[in-house]
PDB file of N, CA and C in Angstrom:
ATOM      1  N   MET A   1      22.210  -0.152  -7.376  1.00  0.00           N
ATOM      2  CA  MET A   1      21.748   1.285  -7.353  1.00  0.00           C
ATOM      3  C   MET A   1      21.571   1.629  -5.887  1.00  0.00           C
ATOM      4  N   GLY A   2      21.146   0.886  -5.041  1.00  0.00           N
ATOM      5  CA  GLY A   2      20.869   1.125  -3.693  1.00  0.00           C
ATOM      6  C   GLY A   2      22.175   1.834  -2.814  1.00  0.00           C
ATOM      7  N   ALA A   3      23.442   1.478  -3.438  1.00  0.00           N
ATOM      8  CA  ALA A   3      24.558   2.007  -2.837  1.00  0.00           C
ATOM      9  C   ALA A   3      24.726   3.383  -2.993  1.00  0.00           C
ATOM     10  N   CYS A   4      24.101   3.817  -4.349  1.00  0.00           N
ATOM     11  CA  CYS A   4      24.351   5.362  -4.655  1.00  0.00           C
ATOM     12  C   CYS A   4      23.221   6.296  -3.921  1.00  0.00           C
ATOM     13  N   LEU A   5      22.501   5.734  -3.414  1.00  0.00           N
ATOM     14  CA  LEU A   5      21.371   6.520  -2.814  1.00  0.00           C
ATOM     15  C   LEU A   5      21.830   7.027  -1.233  1.00  0.00           C
ATOM     16  N   PRO A   6      21.457   8.177  -0.815  1.00  0.00           N
ATOM     17  CA  PRO A   6      21.785   9.046   0.324  1.00  0.00           C
ATOM     18  C   PRO A   6      21.296   7.841   1.626  1.00  0.00           C
ATOM     19  N   PRO A   7      21.774   8.037   2.893  1.00  0.00           N
ATOM     20  CA  PRO A   7      21.105   7.136   3.862  1.00  0.00           C
ATOM     21  C   PRO A   7      19.735   7.673   4.193  1.00  0.00           C
ATOM     22  N   GLY A   8      18.913   6.667   4.303  1.00  0.00           N
ATOM     23  CA  GLY A   8      17.474   6.831   4.451  1.00  0.00           C
ATOM     24  C   GLY A   8      16.744   7.004   3.180  1.00  0.00           C
ATOM     25  N   ALA A   9      17.244   7.353   2.057  1.00  0.00           N
ATOM     26  CA  ALA A   9      16.484   7.324   0.921  1.00  0.00           C
ATOM     27  C   ALA A   9      15.923   5.862   0.314  1.00  0.00           C
ATOM     28  N   ARG A  10      14.730   6.021  -0.232  1.00  0.00           N
ATOM     29  CA  ARG A  10      14.196   4.828  -0.926  1.00  0.00           C
ATOM     30  C   ARG A  10      14.583   4.838  -2.194  1.00  0.00           C
ATOM     31  N   SER A  11      14.728   3.378  -2.721  1.00  0.00           N
ATOM     32  CA  SER A  11      14.949   3.044  -4.170  1.00  0.00           C
ATOM     33  C   SER A  11      13.860   3.736  -4.914  1.00  0.00           C
ATOM     34  N   VAL A  12      14.067   3.875  -6.242  1.00  0.00           N
ATOM     35  CA  VAL A  12      12.971   4.449  -7.002  1.00  0.00           C
ATOM     36  C   VAL A  12      12.040   2.949  -7.417  1.00  0.00           C
ATOM     37  N   ASN A  13      12.561   1.784  -7.280  1.00  0.00           N
ATOM     38  CA  ASN A  13      11.737   0.667  -7.425  1.00  0.00           C
ATOM     39  C   ASN A  13      10.809   0.693  -6.100  1.00  0.00           C
ATOM     40  N   ARG A  14      11.128   0.798  -4.937  1.00  0.00           N
ATOM     41  CA  ARG A  14      10.099   0.657  -3.886  1.00  0.00           C
ATOM     42  C   ARG A  14       9.071   1.772  -4.205  1.00  0.00           C
ATOM     43  N   LYS A  15       9.382   2.557  -5.099  1.00  0.00           N
ATOM     44  CA  LYS A  15       8.215   3.445  -5.455  1.00  0.00           C
ATOM     45  C   LYS A  15       7.075   2.656  -6.295  1.00  0.00           C
ATOM     46  N   LEU A  16       7.510   1.787  -7.161  1.00  0.00           N
ATOM     47  CA  LEU A  16       6.594   0.855  -7.800  1.00  0.00           C
ATOM     48  C   LEU A  16       5.741   0.230  -6.816  1.00  0.00           C
ATOM     49  N   PHE A  17       6.234  -0.502  -5.792  1.00  0.00           N
ATOM     50  CA  PHE A  17       5.520  -1.107  -4.961  1.00  0.00           C
ATOM     51  C   PHE A  17       4.602  -0.184  -4.228  1.00  0.00           C
ATOM     52  N   ASN A  18       4.825   0.978  -3.640  1.00  0.00           N
ATOM     53  CA  ASN A  18       4.006   1.789  -3.114  1.00  0.00           C
ATOM     54  C   ASN A  18       2.865   2.300  -4.173  1.00  0.00           C
ATOM     55  N   HIS A  19       3.283   2.550  -5.630  1.00  0.00           N
ATOM     56  CA  HIS A  19       2.403   2.742  -6.552  1.00  0.00           C
ATOM     57  C   HIS A  19       1.457   1.741  -6.832  1.00  0.00           C
ATOM     58  N   LEU A  20       2.024   0.562  -6.707  1.00  0.00           N
ATOM     59  CA  LEU A  20       1.002  -0.791  -6.852  1.00  0.00           C
ATOM     60  C   LEU A  20      -0.042  -0.734  -5.611  1.00  0.00           C
ATOM     61  N   PHE A  21       0.348  -0.679  -4.497  1.00  0.00           N
ATOM     62  CA  PHE A  21      -0.390  -0.590  -3.382  1.00  0.00           C
ATOM     63  C   PHE A  21      -1.539   0.410  -3.534  1.00  0.00           C
ATOM     64  N   VAL A  22      -1.178   1.521  -3.791  1.00  0.00           N
ATOM     65  CA  VAL A  22      -2.021   2.760  -3.815  1.00  0.00           C
ATOM     66  C   VAL A  22      -3.142   2.637  -4.939  1.00  0.00           C
ATOM     67  N   GLU A  23      -2.436   2.344  -6.056  1.00  0.00           N
ATOM     68  CA  GLU A  23      -3.594   2.212  -7.292  1.00  0.00           C
ATOM     69  C   GLU A  23      -4.371   0.839  -7.205  1.00  0.00           C
ATOM     70  N   LEU A  24      -3.781  -0.218  -6.567  1.00  0.00           N
ATOM     71  CA  LEU A  24      -4.643  -1.367  -6.262  1.00  0.00           C
ATOM     72  C   LEU A  24      -5.912  -1.039  -5.412  1.00  0.00           C
ATOM     73  N   SER A  25      -5.525  -0.370  -4.228  1.00  0.00           N
ATOM     74  CA  SER A  25      -6.548   0.188  -3.222  1.00  0.00           C
ATOM     75  C   SER A  25      -7.610   1.198  -3.983  1.00  0.00           C
ATOM     76  N   VAL A  26      -7.060   1.741  -4.737  1.00  0.00           N
ATOM     77  CA  VAL A  26      -8.000   2.846  -5.429  1.00  0.00           C
ATOM     78  C   VAL A  26      -8.991   2.174  -6.515  1.00  0.00           C
ATOM     79  N   SER A  27      -8.365   1.101  -7.042  1.00  0.00           N
ATOM     80  CA  SER A  27      -9.139   0.483  -8.203  1.00  0.00           C
ATOM     81  C   SER A  27     -10.272  -0.608  -7.393  1.00  0.00           C
ATOM     82  N   ILE A  28     -10.037  -0.943  -6.233  1.00  0.00           N
ATOM     83  CA  ILE A  28     -11.188  -1.745  -5.576  1.00  0.00           C
ATOM     84  C   ILE A  28     -11.985  -1.021  -4.730  1.00  0.00           C
ATOM     85  N   GLY A  29     -11.671   0.144  -4.267  1.00  0.00           N
ATOM     86  CA  GLY A  29     -12.333   1.181  -3.530  1.00  0.00           C
ATOM     87  C   GLY A  29     -12.223   0.754  -2.059  1.00  0.00           C
ATOM     88  N   LYS A  30     -11.035   0.041  -1.897  1.00  0.00           N
ATOM     89  CA  LYS A  30     -10.823  -0.451  -0.370  1.00  0.00           C
ATOM     90  C   LYS A  30      -9.323  -0.484  -0.094  1.00  0.00           C
ATOM     91  N   ARG A  31      -9.029  -0.118   0.973  1.00  0.00           N
ATOM     92  CA  ARG A  31      -7.566  -0.318   1.272  1.00  0.00           C
ATOM     93  C   ARG A  31      -7.054  -1.691   1.517  1.00  0.00           C
ATOM     94  N   VAL A  32      -6.272  -1.967   0.471  1.00  0.00           N
ATOM     95  CA  VAL A  32      -5.462  -3.173   0.530  1.00  0.00           C
ATOM     96  C   VAL A  32      -4.571  -3.278   1.785  1.00  0.00           C
ATOM     97  N   PRO A  33      -4.605  -4.577   2.328  1.00  0.00           N
ATOM     98  CA  PRO A  33      -3.595  -4.441   3.448  1.00  0.00           C
ATOM     99  C   PRO A  33      -1.922  -4.498   2.971  1.00  0.00           C
ATOM    100  N   ARG A  34      -1.434  -3.248   3.404  1.00  0.00           N
ATOM    101  CA  ARG A  34      -0.125  -3.185   2.716  1.00  0.00           C
ATOM    102  C   ARG A  34       0.849  -4.255   3.011  1.00  0.00           C
ATOM    103  N   TYR A  35       1.048  -4.724   4.267  1.00  0.00           N
ATOM    104  CA  TYR A  35       2.055  -5.526   4.778  1.00  0.00           C
ATOM    105  C   TYR A  35       1.720  -6.968   4.012  1.00  0.00           C
ATOM    106  N   ALA A  36       0.264  -7.252   4.006  1.00  0.00           N
ATOM    107  CA  ALA A  36      -0.032  -8.635   3.155  1.00  0.00           C
ATOM    108  C   ALA A  36       0.442  -8.631   1.709  1.00  0.00           C
ATOM    109  N   LEU A  37       0.172  -7.622   1.200  1.00  0.00           N
ATOM    110  CA  LEU A  37       0.702  -7.372  -0.287  1.00  0.00           C
ATOM    111  C   LEU A  37       2.282  -7.550  -0.301  1.00  0.00           C
ATOM    112  N   TRP A  38       2.890  -6.954   0.598  1.00  0.00           N
ATOM    113  CA  TRP A  38       4.451  -6.954   0.966  1.00  0.00           C
ATOM    114  C   TRP A  38       4.837  -8.650   0.801  1.00  0.00           C
ATOM    115  N   LEU A  39       4.215  -9.267   1.968  1.00  0.00           N
ATOM    116  CA  LEU A  39       4.315 -10.527   2.079  1.00  0.00           C
ATOM    117  C   LEU A  39       3.951 -11.551   0.857  1.00  0.00           C
ATOM    118  N   GLU A  40       2.951 -11.336   0.171  1.00  0.00           N
ATOM    119  CA  GLU A  40       2.633 -11.956  -0.914  1.00  0.00           C
ATOM    120  C   GLU A  40       3.560 -11.756  -2.172  1.00  0.00           C
ATOM    121  N   LEU A  41       4.008 -10.690  -2.422  1.00  0.00           N
ATOM    122  CA  LEU A  41       4.917 -10.706  -3.574  1.00  0.00           C
ATOM    123  C   LEU A  41       6.303 -11.189  -3.223  1.00  0.00           C
ATOM    124  N   HIS A  42       6.467 -11.075  -1.789  1.00  0.00           N
ATOM    125  CA  HIS A  42       8.001 -11.840  -1.501  1.00  0.00           C
ATOM    126  C   HIS A  42       7.698 -13.500  -1.348  1.00  0.00           C
ATOM    127  N   ASP A  43       6.663 -13.773  -0.818  1.00  0.00           N
ATOM    128  CA  ASP A  43       6.392 -15.339  -1.100  1.00  0.00           C
ATOM    129  C   ASP A  43       6.625 -15.756  -2.568  1.00  0.00           C
ATOM    130  N   LEU A  44       6.055 -14.903  -3.318  1.00  0.00           N
ATOM    131  CA  LEU A  44       6.282 -15.148  -4.811  1.00  0.00           C
ATOM    132  C   LEU A  44       7.519 -15.155  -5.411  1.00  0.00           C
ATOM    133  N   GLY A  45       8.547 -14.705  -4.709  1.00  0.00           N
ATOM    134  CA  GLY A  45       9.754 -14.577  -5.010  1.00  0.00           C
ATOM    135  C   GLY A  45      10.281 -13.421  -5.724  1.00  0.00           C
ATOM    136  N   TRP A  46       9.476 -12.311  -5.278  1.00  0.00           N
ATOM    137  CA  TRP A  46       9.858 -11.060  -5.748  1.00  0.00           C
ATOM    138  C   TRP A  46      10.221 -10.181  -4.760  1.00  0.00           C
ATOM    139  N   ASP A  47      11.249  -9.092  -4.757  1.00  0.00           N
ATOM    140  CA  ASP A  47      11.648  -8.242  -3.768  1.00  0.00           C
ATOM    141  C   ASP A  47      10.752  -7.112  -3.855  1.00  0.00           C
ATOM    142  N   PRO A  48       9.801  -6.720  -2.882  1.00  0.00           N
ATOM    143  CA  PRO A  48       8.827  -5.610  -2.934  1.00  0.00           C
ATOM    144  C   PRO A  48      10.005  -4.218  -2.841  1.00  0.00           C
ATOM    145  N   GLU A  49      11.070  -4.414  -2.324  1.00  0.00           N
ATOM    146  CA  GLU A  49      11.813  -3.250  -2.183  1.00  0.00           C
ATOM    147  C   GLU A  49      12.512  -2.865  -3.654  1.00  0.00           C
ATOM    148  N   SER A  50      12.588  -3.862  -4.436  1.00  0.00           N
ATOM    149  CA  SER A  50      13.149  -3.542  -5.852  1.00  0.00           C
ATOM    150  C   SER A  50      12.273  -4.343  -6.853  1.00  0.00           C
ATOM    151  N   LEU A  51      10.974  -4.154  -6.788  1.00  0.00           N
ATOM    152  CA  LEU A  51       9.948  -4.464  -7.697  1.00  0.00           C
ATOM    153  C   LEU A  51      10.090  -3.980  -8.919  1.00  0.00           C
ATOM    154  N   GLN A  52      10.030  -4.885  -9.883  1.00  0.00           N
ATOM    155  CA  GLN A  52       9.961  -4.513 -11.356  1.00  0.00           C
ATOM    156  C   GLN A  52       8.729  -4.525 -12.076  1.00  0.00           C
ATOM    157  N   VAL A  53       8.435  -3.562 -13.300  1.00  0.00           N
ATOM    158  CA  VAL A  53       7.302  -3.502 -14.086  1.00  0.00           C
ATOM    159  C   VAL A  53       6.965  -4.932 -14.350  1.00  0.00           C
ATOM    160  N   THR A  54       7.712  -5.636 -14.725  1.00  0.00           N
ATOM    161  CA  THR A  54       7.315  -7.026 -15.369  1.00  0.00           C
ATOM    162  C   THR A  54       6.746  -7.891 -14.007  1.00  0.00           C
ATOM    163  N   GLU A  55       7.388  -7.828 -13.088  1.00  0.00           N
ATOM    164  CA  GLU A  55       6.674  -8.466 -11.896  1.00  0.00           C
ATOM    165  C   GLU A  55       5.352  -8.001 -11.343  1.00  0.00           C
ATOM    166  N   ALA A  56       5.436  -6.690 -11.306  1.00  0.00           N
ATOM    167  CA  ALA A  56       4.078  -5.959 -10.965  1.00  0.00           C
ATOM    168  C   ALA A  56       3.010  -6.488 -11.963  1.00  0.00           C
ATOM    169  N   LEU A  57       3.346  -6.574 -13.334  1.00  0.00           N
ATOM    170  CA  LEU A  57       2.231  -7.059 -14.390  1.00  0.00           C
ATOM    171  C   LEU A  57       2.058  -8.409 -14.212  1.00  0.00           C
ATOM    172  N   ALA A  58       3.025  -9.328 -13.793  1.00  0.00           N
ATOM    173  CA  ALA A  58       2.779 -10.812 -13.613  1.00  0.00           C
ATOM    174  C   ALA A  58       1.908 -10.934 -12.272  1.00  0.00           C
ATOM    175  N   PHE A  59       2.017 -10.416 -11.300  1.00  0.00           N
ATOM    176  CA  PHE A  59       1.393 -10.254 -10.028  1.00  0.00           C
ATOM    177  C   PHE A  59      -0.353  -9.954 -10.693  1.00  0.00           C
ATOM    178  N   CYS A  60      -0.462  -8.875 -11.338  1.00  0.00           N
ATOM    179  CA  CYS A  60      -1.745  -8.589 -11.952  1.00  0.00           C
ATOM    180  C   CYS A  60      -2.483  -9.608 -12.853  1.00  0.00           C
ATOM    181  N   ASP A  61      -1.551 -10.312 -13.577  1.00  0.00           N
ATOM    182  CA  ASP A  61      -2.112 -11.382 -14.564  1.00  0.00           C
ATOM    183  C   ASP A  61      -2.568 -12.677 -13.902  1.00  0.00           C
ATOM    184  N   GLY A  62      -1.960 -12.836 -12.650  1.00  0.00           N
ATOM    185  CA  GLY A  62      -2.132 -14.150 -11.865  1.00  0.00           C
ATOM    186  C   GLY A  62      -2.545 -14.189 -10.517  1.00  0.00           C
ATOM    187  N   PRO A  63      -1.678 -14.050  -9.596  1.00  0.00           N
ATOM    188  CA  PRO A  63      -2.025 -14.023  -8.211  1.00  0.00           C
ATOM    189  C   PRO A  63      -2.714 -12.936  -7.624  1.00  0.00           C
ATOM    190  N   MET A  64      -2.752 -11.943  -8.215  1.00  0.00           N
ATOM    191  CA  MET A  64      -3.569 -10.794  -7.523  1.00  0.00           C
ATOM    192  C   MET A  64      -5.047 -11.121  -7.468  1.00  0.00           C
ATOM    193  N   GLU A  65      -5.809 -12.006  -8.335  1.00  0.00           N
ATOM    194  CA  GLU A  65      -7.277 -12.217  -7.846  1.00  0.00           C
ATOM    195  C   GLU A  65      -7.275 -13.081  -6.788  1.00  0.00           C
ATOM    196  N   SER A  66      -6.477 -13.954  -6.587  1.00  0.00           N
ATOM    197  CA  SER A  66      -6.728 -14.963  -5.356  1.00  0.00           C
ATOM    198  C   SER A  66      -6.151 -14.292  -4.040  1.00  0.00           C
ATOM    199  N   PHE A  67      -5.126 -13.206  -4.271  1.00  0.00           N
ATOM    200  CA  PHE A  67      -4.954 -12.495  -3.158  1.00  0.00           C
ATOM    201  C   PHE A  67      -6.070 -11.555  -2.693  1.00  0.00           C
ATOM    202  N   LEU A  68      -6.777 -11.067  -3.467  1.00  0.00           N
ATOM    203  CA  LEU A  68      -7.734 -10.235  -3.292  1.00  0.00           C
ATOM    204  C   LEU A  68      -9.106 -10.948  -2.569  1.00  0.00           C
ATOM    205  N   THR A  69      -9.363 -12.285  -3.595  1.00  0.00           N
ATOM    206  CA  THR A  69     -10.491 -13.139  -3.026  1.00  0.00           C
ATOM    207  C   THR A  69     -10.304 -13.697  -1.599  1.00  0.00           C
ATOM    208  N   ASP A  70      -9.004 -13.868  -1.275  1.00  0.00           N
ATOM    209  CA  ASP A  70      -8.709 -14.329   0.172  1.00  0.00           C
ATOM    210  C   ASP A  70      -9.037 -13.436   1.134  1.00  0.00           C
ATOM    211  N   ARG A  71      -9.033 -12.074   0.840  1.00  0.00           N
ATOM    212  CA  ARG A  71      -9.434 -10.934   1.576  1.00  0.00           C
ATOM    213  C   ARG A  71     -10.777 -10.146   1.427  1.00  0.00           C
ATOM    214  N   GLY A  72     -11.540 -11.069   0.878  1.00  0.00           N
ATOM    215  CA  GLY A  72     -12.915 -10.541   0.622  1.00  0.00           C
ATOM    216  C   GLY A  72     -13.186  -9.405  -0.297  1.00  0.00           C
ATOM    217  N   MET A  73     -12.124  -9.311  -0.978  1.00  0.00           N
ATOM    218  CA  MET A  73     -11.958  -8.220  -2.058  1.00  0.00           C
ATOM    219  C   MET A  73     -12.016  -8.586  -3.542  1.00  0.00           C
ATOM    220  N   LYS A  74     -12.474  -7.695  -4.694  1.00  0.00           N
ATOM    221  CA  LYS A  74     -12.699  -8.218  -5.852  1.00  0.00           C
ATOM    222  C   LYS A  74     -12.325  -7.085  -6.762  1.00  0.00           C
ATOM    223  N   ILE A  75     -11.758  -7.174  -7.845  1.00  0.00           N
ATOM    224  CA  ILE A  75     -11.553  -5.981  -8.752  1.00  0.00           C
ATOM    225  C   ILE A  75     -12.411  -6.281  -9.932  1.00  0.00           C
ATOM    226  N   SER A  76     -12.952  -5.215 -10.495  1.00  0.00           N
ATOM    227  CA  SER A  76     -13.791  -5.463 -11.930  1.00  0.00           C
ATOM    228  C   SER A  76     -12.728  -5.510 -12.962  1.00  0.00           C
ATOM    229  N   GLN A  77     -13.430  -6.259 -13.935  1.00  0.00           N
ATOM    230  CA  GLN A  77     -12.518  -6.457 -15.380  1.00  0.00           C
ATOM    231  C   GLN A  77     -12.039  -5.060 -15.887  1.00  0.00           C
ATOM    232  N   ARG A  78     -12.827  -3.938 -15.756  1.00  0.00           N
ATOM    233  CA  ARG A  78     -12.648  -2.677 -16.141  1.00  0.00           C
ATOM    234  C   ARG A  78     -11.324  -2.134 -15.307  1.00  0.00           C
ATOM    235  N   ALA A  79     -11.491  -2.087 -14.093  1.00  0.00           N
ATOM    236  CA  ALA A  79     -10.580  -1.567 -13.299  1.00  0.00           C
ATOM    237  C   ALA A  79      -9.195  -2.329 -13.251  1.00  0.00           C
ATOM    238  N   HIS A  80      -9.095  -3.467 -13.430  1.00  0.00           N
ATOM    239  CA  HIS A  80      -7.969  -4.565 -13.851  1.00  0.00           C
ATOM    240  C   HIS A  80      -7.194  -4.042 -14.811  1.00  0.00           C
ATOM    241  N   LYS A  81      -8.200  -3.871 -15.903  1.00  0.00           N
ATOM    242  CA  LYS A  81      -7.343  -3.433 -17.291  1.00  0.00           C
ATOM    243  C   LYS A  81      -6.888  -2.042 -16.936  1.00  0.00           C
ATOM    244  N   ARG A  82      -7.423  -0.946 -16.444  1.00  0.00           N
ATOM    245  CA  ARG A  82      -6.900   0.310 -16.133  1.00  0.00           C
ATOM    246  C   ARG A  82      -5.653   0.200 -15.422  1.00  0.00           C
ATOM    247  N   LEU A  83      -5.569  -0.655 -14.196  1.00  0.00           N
ATOM    248  CA  LEU A  83      -4.442  -1.038 -13.306  1.00  0.00           C
ATOM    249  C   LEU A  83      -3.272  -1.500 -14.101  1.00  0.00           C
ATOM    250  N   ARG A  84      -3.444  -2.223 -14.948  1.00  0.00           N
ATOM    251  CA  ARG A  84      -2.274  -2.926 -15.519  1.00  0.00           C
ATOM    252  C   ARG A  84      -1.725  -1.896 -16.598  1.00  0.00           C
ATOM    253  N   LYS A  85      -2.779  -1.201 -17.161  1.00  0.00           N
ATOM    254  CA  LYS A  85      -2.119  -0.272 -18.183  1.00  0.00           C
ATOM    255  C   LYS A  85      -1.458   0.758 -17.396  1.00  0.00           C
ATOM    256  N   ASP A  86      -1.860   1.093 -16.292  1.00  0.00           N
ATOM    257  CA  ASP A  86      -1.075   2.158 -15.346  1.00  0.00           C
ATOM    258  C   ASP A  86       0.343   1.649 -15.066  1.00  0.00           C
ATOM    259  N   LEU A  87       0.305   0.246 -14.559  1.00  0.00           N
ATOM    260  CA  LEU A  87       1.482  -0.261 -14.134  1.00  0.00           C
ATOM    261  C   LEU A  87       2.540  -0.296 -15.393  1.00  0.00           C
ATOM    262  N   ALA A  88       1.933  -0.861 -16.669  1.00  0.00           N
ATOM    263  CA  ALA A  88       2.957  -1.039 -17.611  1.00  0.00           C
ATOM    264  C   ALA A  88       3.553   0.283 -18.204  1.00  0.00           C
ATOM    265  N   ASN A  89       3.008   1.323 -17.884  1.00  0.00           N
ATOM    266  CA  ASN A  89       3.497   2.873 -18.183  1.00  0.00           C
ATOM    267  C   ASN A  89       4.261   3.426 -17.109  1.00  0.00           C
ATOM    268  N   PHE A  90       4.523   2.738 -15.873  1.00  0.00           N
ATOM    269  CA  PHE A  90       5.119   3.363 -14.879  1.00  0.00           C
ATOM    270  C   PHE A  90       6.589   3.667 -15.394  1.00  0.00           C
ATOM    271  N   ASP A  91       6.805   4.859 -14.958  1.00  0.00           N
ATOM    272  CA  ASP A  91       8.208   5.706 -14.985  1.00  0.00           C
ATOM    273  C   ASP A  91       8.518   6.170 -13.884  1.00  0.00           C
ATOM    274  N   PRO A  92       9.558   5.521 -13.236  1.00  0.00           N
ATOM    275  CA  PRO A  92      10.061   6.102 -11.699  1.00  0.00           C
ATOM    276  C   PRO A  92      10.529   7.451 -11.866  1.00  0.00           C
ATOM    277  N   SER A  93      10.768   8.163 -12.863  1.00  0.00           N
ATOM    278  CA  SER A  93      11.382   9.388 -13.063  1.00  0.00           C
ATOM    279  C   SER A  93      10.430  10.512 -13.137  1.00  0.00           C
ATOM    280  N   ARG A  94       9.123  10.064 -13.378  1.00  0.00           N
ATOM    281  CA  ARG A  94       7.973  10.978 -13.339  1.00  0.00           C
ATOM    282  C   ARG A  94       7.265  10.955 -11.849  1.00  0.00           C
ATOM    283  N   PRO A  95       6.798  11.997 -11.434  1.00  0.00           N
ATOM    284  CA  PRO A  95       6.359  12.065 -10.203  1.00  0.00           C
ATOM    285  C   PRO A  95       4.831  11.530 -10.217  1.00  0.00           C
ATOM    286  N   LEU A  96       4.497  10.919  -9.091  1.00  0.00           N
ATOM    287  CA  LEU A  96       3.217  10.473  -9.180  1.00  0.00           C
ATOM    288  C   LEU A  96       2.157  11.416  -8.580  1.00  0.00           C
ATOM    289  N   PRO A  97       0.871  11.417  -8.698  1.00  0.00           N
ATOM    290  CA  PRO A  97      -0.049  12.404  -8.312  1.00  0.00           C
ATOM    291  C   PRO A  97       0.048  12.606  -6.954  1.00  0.00           C
ATOM    292  N   HIS A  98       0.244  11.724  -6.099  1.00  0.00           N
ATOM    293  CA  HIS A  98       0.260  12.037  -4.711  1.00  0.00           C
ATOM    294  C   HIS A  98       1.590  12.815  -4.221  1.00  0.00           C
ATOM    295  N   GLU A  99       2.617  12.665  -5.191  1.00  0.00           N
ATOM    296  CA  GLU A  99       3.781  13.265  -4.734  1.00  0.00           C
ATOM    297  C   GLU A  99       3.694  14.611  -5.185  1.00  0.00           C
ATOM    298  N   ILE A 100       2.989  14.850  -6.263  1.00  0.00           N
ATOM    299  CA  ILE A 100       2.829  16.332  -6.761  1.00  0.00           C
ATOM    300  C   ILE A 100       1.835  17.110  -5.865  1.00  0.00           C
ATOM    301  N   PHE A 101       0.908  16.469  -5.464  1.00  0.00           N
ATOM    302  CA  PHE A 101      -0.335  16.853  -4.368  1.00  0.00           C
ATOM    303  C   PHE A 101       0.479  17.224  -3.207  1.00  0.00           C
ATOM    304  N   LYS A 102       1.426  16.464  -2.536  1.00  0.00           N
ATOM    305  CA  LYS A 102       2.157  16.854  -1.358  1.00  0.00           C
ATOM    306  C   LYS A 102       2.972  18.029  -1.647  1.00  0.00           C
ATOM    307  N   ARG A 103       3.724  18.044  -2.769  1.00  0.00           N
ATOM    308  CA  ARG A 103       4.719  19.161  -3.197  1.00  0.00           C
ATOM    309  C   ARG A 103       3.464  20.563  -3.017  1.00  0.00           C
ATOM    310  N   LEU A 104       2.334  20.452  -3.719  1.00  0.00           N
ATOM    311  CA  LEU A 104       1.633  21.603  -3.876  1.00  0.00           C
ATOM    312  C   LEU A 104       1.082  22.148  -2.418  1.00  0.00           C
ATOM    313  N   CYS A 105       0.758  21.140  -1.711  1.00  0.00           N
ATOM    314  CA  CYS A 105       0.300  21.509  -0.278  1.00  0.00           C
ATOM    315  C   CYS A 105       1.530  21.873   0.823  1.00  0.00           C
ATOM    316  N   GLY A 106       2.664  21.652   0.303  1.00  0.00           N
ATOM    317  CA  GLY A 106       3.714  21.858   1.224  1.00  0.00           C
ATOM    318  C   GLY A 106       3.887  21.128   2.543  1.00  0.00           C
ATOM    319  N   SER A 107       3.548  19.825   2.258  1.00  0.00           N
ATOM    320  CA  SER A 107       3.851  18.806   3.541  1.00  0.00           C
ATOM    321  C   SER A 107       4.363  17.766   3.123  1.00  0.00           C
TER     322      SER A 107
END
C-alpha cells in the first residue's frame, strides 16, 4: 500500500496510530507522550506506521494499563470501554473529527 502513496503522504494505518494517541489522551484527560507510545507499540512488536485495529485493541486489553501507570496516568473503566469501542469501529476512509474541524476552519 505504501508504494501507491504520493511522496510525503501518510499511510491510512498511520491514521490509526494518530487516532489512538488522540483518543487515549482525551480519555485520560492528559496528553500521552506520543513518542513513548510509538516506542511502546514498537517494542511490543507492532509497527505504529501500519498499526492494525486488532493490534490497537490488543494494546488496550493488555499493555496500555502498565504503559499509563508507568507515567503516573490512569484510565477509568468507563473511558477504557469507550476507547476500545471507538478503536473497534475505526474506519480509515471516514474522516476523524479533528480532520473535519480542520477542513471547516480552513487550516
